[in-house]
Amino acid sequence: MPSLSSLRTLQRQVCATRAAVPGCRRYASHGGGPHYNEPTGYLFGEKPLPPAQKRKKEAWENVWYVGMYGSMLLAAVLLYYKPDTSINSWALKEAKARMEARGEKP
């Protein structure tokens, strides 16, 4: 069985000689354009509005605010009411119950 490096060398040679073979083409560049959004110099790519004009919210923004802050609020409530499962609190309850069963004062 040929090694992996020899197979890659063979593939490079074949692709160099046959650029028209579909298996040898590399589509990672997605064309000749820029590979990222060119910086515009504006915050979030939005041009500043003229004075006395308000920014119009997009449709997804309210959904994002409700979902983001609603999930934070839900997480805070769930963490506040999380049951106490520590070994120390269990041991304290167990020790008090055993002492009461023996008739000792806790």
N, C-alpha and C. Protein backbone atom coordinates (compact mmCIF):
# COMPACT_ATOMS: atom_id res chain seq x y z
N MET A 1 0.86 -1.18 0.00
CA MET A 1 0.00 0.00 0.00
C MET A 1 0.90 1.24 0.00
N PRO A 2 0.67 2.17 -0.92
CA PRO A 2 1.53 3.36 -0.99
C PRO A 2 1.27 4.29 0.20
N SER A 3 2.29 5.04 0.56
CA SER A 3 2.15 5.95 1.70
C SER A 3 1.31 7.17 1.31
N LEU A 4 0.85 7.87 2.31
CA LEU A 4 -0.01 9.02 2.10
C LEU A 4 0.74 10.14 1.38
N SER A 5 1.99 10.33 1.72
CA SER A 5 2.76 11.41 1.09
C SER A 5 2.98 11.12 -0.40
N SER A 6 3.18 9.86 -0.74
CA SER A 6 3.37 9.54 -2.16
C SER A 6 2.07 9.72 -2.95
N LEU A 7 0.92 9.43 -2.30
CA LEU A 7 -0.36 9.64 -2.97
C LEU A 7 -0.63 11.13 -3.19
N ARG A 8 -0.26 11.95 -2.21
CA ARG A 8 -0.45 13.40 -2.38
C ARG A 8 0.45 13.94 -3.48
N THR A 9 1.67 13.45 -3.54
CA THR A 9 2.58 13.89 -4.59
C THR A 9 2.03 13.51 -5.96
N LEU A 10 1.52 12.30 -6.07
CA LEU A 10 0.92 11.85 -7.32
C LEU A 10 -0.29 12.71 -7.69
N GLN A 11 -1.13 13.04 -6.71
CA GLN A 11 -2.31 13.87 -6.98
C GLN A 11 -1.88 15.25 -7.47
N ARG A 12 -0.86 15.84 -6.85
CA ARG A 12 -0.39 17.15 -7.30
C ARG A 12 0.12 17.10 -8.73
N GLN A 13 0.82 16.04 -9.07
CA GLN A 13 1.35 15.92 -10.42
C GLN A 13 0.21 15.79 -11.43
N VAL A 14 -0.79 14.98 -11.10
CA VAL A 14 -1.91 14.79 -12.00
C VAL A 14 -2.70 16.09 -12.14
N CYS A 15 -2.91 16.78 -11.06
CA CYS A 15 -3.68 18.02 -11.10
C CYS A 15 -2.91 19.11 -11.84
N ALA A 16 -1.60 19.09 -11.76
CA ALA A 16 -0.81 20.09 -12.47
C ALA A 16 -0.88 19.86 -13.97
N THR A 17 -0.97 18.62 -14.39
CA THR A 17 -1.00 18.32 -15.82
C THR A 17 -2.42 18.40 -16.38
N ARG A 18 -3.41 18.14 -15.56
CA ARG A 18 -4.80 18.15 -16.02
C ARG A 18 -5.63 19.12 -15.19
N ALA A 19 -5.52 20.37 -15.48
CA ALA A 19 -6.27 21.37 -14.73
C ALA A 19 -7.76 21.32 -15.03
N ALA A 20 -8.13 20.69 -16.13
CA ALA A 20 -9.54 20.64 -16.52
C ALA A 20 -10.29 19.49 -15.86
N VAL A 21 -9.59 18.62 -15.15
CA VAL A 21 -10.25 17.48 -14.51
C VAL A 21 -11.03 18.00 -13.30
N PRO A 22 -12.35 17.71 -13.21
CA PRO A 22 -13.15 18.26 -12.12
C PRO A 22 -12.66 17.86 -10.73
N GLY A 23 -12.07 16.72 -10.57
CA GLY A 23 -11.60 16.28 -9.26
C GLY A 23 -10.38 17.05 -8.78
N CYS A 24 -9.71 17.76 -9.66
CA CYS A 24 -8.51 18.48 -9.29
C CYS A 24 -8.77 19.95 -8.99
N ARG A 25 -9.93 20.42 -9.27
CA ARG A 25 -10.22 21.84 -9.01
C ARG A 25 -10.42 22.07 -7.53
N ARG A 26 -10.01 23.26 -7.11
CA ARG A 26 -10.19 23.63 -5.71
C ARG A 26 -11.15 24.81 -5.66
N TYR A 27 -12.24 24.65 -4.96
CA TYR A 27 -13.27 25.66 -4.92
C TYR A 27 -13.27 26.47 -3.62
N ALA A 28 -12.21 26.46 -2.89
CA ALA A 28 -12.19 27.12 -1.58
C ALA A 28 -12.18 28.64 -1.70
N SER A 29 -11.74 29.19 -2.81
CA SER A 29 -11.61 30.64 -2.91
C SER A 29 -12.93 31.32 -3.24
N HIS A 30 -13.90 30.63 -3.77
CA HIS A 30 -15.22 31.17 -4.12
C HIS A 30 -15.11 32.35 -5.09
N GLY A 31 -14.27 32.29 -6.03
CA GLY A 31 -14.17 33.35 -7.02
C GLY A 31 -13.02 34.31 -6.71
N GLY A 32 -12.96 35.37 -7.47
CA GLY A 32 -11.84 36.28 -7.33
C GLY A 32 -12.12 37.50 -6.48
N GLY A 33 -13.27 37.59 -5.84
CA GLY A 33 -13.63 38.75 -5.03
C GLY A 33 -12.95 38.74 -3.67
N PRO A 34 -13.26 39.74 -2.86
CA PRO A 34 -12.66 39.78 -1.52
C PRO A 34 -13.18 38.63 -0.67
N HIS A 35 -12.36 38.18 0.24
CA HIS A 35 -12.70 37.03 1.07
C HIS A 35 -13.40 37.43 2.36
N TYR A 36 -13.61 38.69 2.58
CA TYR A 36 -14.29 39.17 3.78
C TYR A 36 -14.97 40.49 3.44
N ASN A 37 -15.79 40.97 4.34
CA ASN A 37 -16.45 42.25 4.12
C ASN A 37 -15.42 43.36 4.29
N GLU A 38 -15.27 44.14 3.27
CA GLU A 38 -14.29 45.24 3.33
C GLU A 38 -14.73 46.26 4.39
N PRO A 39 -13.80 46.76 5.20
CA PRO A 39 -14.19 47.74 6.22
C PRO A 39 -14.65 49.05 5.59
N THR A 40 -15.72 49.61 6.15
CA THR A 40 -16.26 50.87 5.63
C THR A 40 -15.90 52.04 6.52
N GLY A 41 -15.48 51.78 7.74
CA GLY A 41 -15.17 52.85 8.67
C GLY A 41 -16.35 53.24 9.54
N TYR A 42 -17.52 52.63 9.30
CA TYR A 42 -18.71 52.93 10.09
C TYR A 42 -18.95 51.79 11.08
N LEU A 43 -19.50 52.12 12.24
CA LEU A 43 -19.82 51.13 13.25
C LEU A 43 -20.91 50.19 12.72
N PHE A 44 -20.65 48.91 12.71
CA PHE A 44 -21.55 47.87 12.21
C PHE A 44 -21.91 48.08 10.75
N GLY A 45 -21.15 48.84 10.02
CA GLY A 45 -21.39 49.06 8.61
C GLY A 45 -22.57 49.96 8.31
N GLU A 46 -23.09 50.67 9.32
CA GLU A 46 -24.23 51.55 9.12
C GLU A 46 -23.74 52.99 9.02
N LYS A 47 -24.19 53.68 8.02
CA LYS A 47 -23.83 55.09 7.87
C LYS A 47 -24.59 55.91 8.91
N PRO A 48 -23.96 56.95 9.46
CA PRO A 48 -24.66 57.77 10.45
C PRO A 48 -25.85 58.51 9.82
N LEU A 49 -26.91 58.61 10.60
CA LEU A 49 -28.13 59.27 10.11
C LEU A 49 -27.98 60.79 10.21
N PRO A 50 -28.70 61.50 9.38
CA PRO A 50 -28.70 62.97 9.51
C PRO A 50 -29.31 63.38 10.85
N PRO A 51 -29.00 64.57 11.32
CA PRO A 51 -29.56 65.02 12.61
C PRO A 51 -31.09 65.01 12.59
N ALA A 52 -31.67 64.79 13.76
CA ALA A 52 -33.13 64.75 13.97
C ALA A 52 -33.80 63.59 13.26
N GLN A 53 -33.07 62.53 13.00
CA GLN A 53 -33.67 61.35 12.38
C GLN A 53 -33.34 60.14 13.26
N LYS A 54 -34.35 59.30 13.53
CA LYS A 54 -34.15 58.13 14.38
C LYS A 54 -33.83 56.91 13.54
N ARG A 55 -33.07 56.02 14.12
CA ARG A 55 -32.72 54.77 13.46
C ARG A 55 -33.93 53.83 13.50
N LYS A 56 -34.23 53.19 12.39
CA LYS A 56 -35.35 52.25 12.31
C LYS A 56 -34.84 50.85 12.66
N LYS A 57 -35.51 50.21 13.61
CA LYS A 57 -35.12 48.86 14.02
C LYS A 57 -35.47 47.86 12.93
N GLU A 58 -34.67 46.83 12.83
CA GLU A 58 -34.99 45.75 11.90
C GLU A 58 -35.92 44.77 12.60
N ALA A 59 -36.54 43.89 11.85
CA ALA A 59 -37.57 43.00 12.38
C ALA A 59 -37.01 42.00 13.39
N TRP A 60 -35.78 41.57 13.25
CA TRP A 60 -35.22 40.54 14.11
C TRP A 60 -34.71 41.08 15.43
N GLU A 61 -34.55 42.39 15.57
CA GLU A 61 -33.92 42.93 16.77
C GLU A 61 -34.75 42.72 18.03
N ASN A 62 -36.06 42.96 17.97
CA ASN A 62 -36.90 42.74 19.16
C ASN A 62 -36.91 41.27 19.56
N VAL A 63 -36.95 40.38 18.60
CA VAL A 63 -36.92 38.95 18.90
C VAL A 63 -35.60 38.60 19.60
N TRP A 64 -34.51 39.17 19.15
CA TRP A 64 -33.21 38.90 19.76
C TRP A 64 -33.18 39.40 21.20
N TYR A 65 -33.67 40.63 21.43
CA TYR A 65 -33.67 41.18 22.80
C TYR A 65 -34.51 40.33 23.74
N VAL A 66 -35.70 39.96 23.30
CA VAL A 66 -36.57 39.15 24.15
C VAL A 66 -35.94 37.79 24.42
N GLY A 67 -35.40 37.17 23.39
CA GLY A 67 -34.79 35.86 23.56
C GLY A 67 -33.55 35.90 24.43
N MET A 68 -32.69 36.87 24.23
CA MET A 68 -31.43 36.95 24.98
C MET A 68 -31.68 37.28 26.45
N TYR A 69 -32.40 38.36 26.70
CA TYR A 69 -32.60 38.77 28.09
C TYR A 69 -33.63 37.89 28.79
N GLY A 70 -34.57 37.34 28.06
CA GLY A 70 -35.52 36.40 28.65
C GLY A 70 -34.83 35.12 29.11
N SER A 71 -33.90 34.61 28.29
CA SER A 71 -33.17 33.41 28.70
C SER A 71 -32.24 33.69 29.88
N MET A 72 -31.68 34.90 29.95
CA MET A 72 -30.85 35.26 31.12
C MET A 72 -31.71 35.31 32.39
N LEU A 73 -32.89 35.89 32.28
CA LEU A 73 -33.79 35.96 33.42
C LEU A 73 -34.23 34.56 33.85
N LEU A 74 -34.55 33.71 32.90
CA LEU A 74 -34.94 32.34 33.21
C LEU A 74 -33.81 31.59 33.89
N ALA A 75 -32.59 31.77 33.40
CA ALA A 75 -31.44 31.10 34.01
C ALA A 75 -31.22 31.59 35.44
N ALA A 76 -31.40 32.89 35.68
CA ALA A 76 -31.23 33.43 37.03
C ALA A 76 -32.28 32.85 37.98
N VAL A 77 -33.53 32.76 37.54
CA VAL A 77 -34.59 32.20 38.39
C VAL A 77 -34.33 30.73 38.66
N LEU A 78 -33.94 29.98 37.65
CA LEU A 78 -33.67 28.56 37.85
C LEU A 78 -32.48 28.33 38.78
N LEU A 79 -31.45 29.16 38.67
CA LEU A 79 -30.31 29.02 39.58
C LEU A 79 -30.68 29.41 41.01
N TYR A 80 -31.57 30.39 41.16
CA TYR A 80 -31.97 30.81 42.50
C TYR A 80 -32.74 29.70 43.20
N TYR A 81 -33.63 29.02 42.47
CA TYR A 81 -34.45 27.97 43.06
C TYR A 81 -33.87 26.57 42.88
N LYS A 82 -32.61 26.47 42.52
CA LYS A 82 -31.96 25.17 42.35
C LYS A 82 -31.93 24.43 43.69
N PRO A 83 -32.24 23.15 43.71
CA PRO A 83 -32.21 22.44 44.98
C PRO A 83 -30.78 22.31 45.51
N ASP A 84 -30.69 22.29 46.83
CA ASP A 84 -29.38 22.17 47.47
C ASP A 84 -28.99 20.69 47.50
N THR A 85 -27.97 20.33 46.75
CA THR A 85 -27.55 18.94 46.66
C THR A 85 -26.14 18.73 47.19
N SER A 86 -25.66 19.66 48.02
CA SER A 86 -24.29 19.51 48.52
C SER A 86 -24.23 18.42 49.59
N ILE A 87 -23.09 17.82 49.73
CA ILE A 87 -22.91 16.75 50.70
C ILE A 87 -22.95 17.29 52.12
N ASN A 88 -22.53 18.53 52.31
CA ASN A 88 -22.52 19.12 53.66
C ASN A 88 -23.92 19.31 54.21
N SER A 89 -24.83 19.83 53.38
CA SER A 89 -26.20 20.03 53.87
C SER A 89 -26.88 18.69 54.12
N TRP A 90 -26.62 17.69 53.30
CA TRP A 90 -27.19 16.36 53.53
C TRP A 90 -26.66 15.78 54.83
N ALA A 91 -25.35 15.91 55.08
CA ALA A 91 -24.75 15.35 56.30
C ALA A 91 -25.29 16.05 57.54
N LEU A 92 -25.50 17.36 57.48
CA LEU A 92 -26.04 18.09 58.63
C LEU A 92 -27.46 17.62 58.94
N LYS A 93 -28.30 17.47 57.92
CA LYS A 93 -29.67 16.99 58.14
C LYS A 93 -29.66 15.57 58.70
N GLU A 94 -28.79 14.73 58.16
CA GLU A 94 -28.71 13.34 58.61
C GLU A 94 -28.22 13.27 60.06
N ALA A 95 -27.24 14.09 60.42
CA ALA A 95 -26.73 14.08 61.79
C ALA A 95 -27.79 14.56 62.78
N LYS A 96 -28.53 15.60 62.40
CA LYS A 96 -29.60 16.09 63.28
C LYS A 96 -30.69 15.04 63.45
N ALA A 97 -31.04 14.36 62.37
CA ALA A 97 -32.08 13.31 62.45
C ALA A 97 -31.62 12.17 63.34
N ARG A 98 -30.37 11.76 63.26
CA ARG A 98 -29.87 10.65 64.09
C ARG A 98 -29.78 11.06 65.56
N MET A 99 -29.37 12.32 65.79
CA MET A 99 -29.29 12.78 67.18
C MET A 99 -30.67 12.86 67.81
N GLU A 100 -31.68 13.30 67.04
CA GLU A 100 -33.04 13.33 67.56
C GLU A 100 -33.57 11.93 67.81
N ALA A 101 -33.19 10.98 66.95
CA ALA A 101 -33.63 9.59 67.12
C ALA A 101 -33.04 8.98 68.40
N ARG A 102 -31.83 9.39 68.78
CA ARG A 102 -31.21 8.88 70.01
C ARG A 102 -31.68 9.67 71.23
N GLY A 103 -32.32 10.78 71.04
CA GLY A 103 -32.82 11.57 72.15
C GLY A 103 -31.85 12.64 72.61
N GLU A 104 -30.82 12.92 71.86
CA GLU A 104 -29.85 13.96 72.20
C GLU A 104 -30.32 15.30 71.64
N LYS A 105 -29.81 16.39 72.23
CA LYS A 105 -30.14 17.70 71.74
C LYS A 105 -29.18 18.06 70.59
N PRO A 106 -29.71 18.57 69.50
CA PRO A 106 -28.81 18.93 68.39
C PRO A 106 -28.10 20.25 68.62
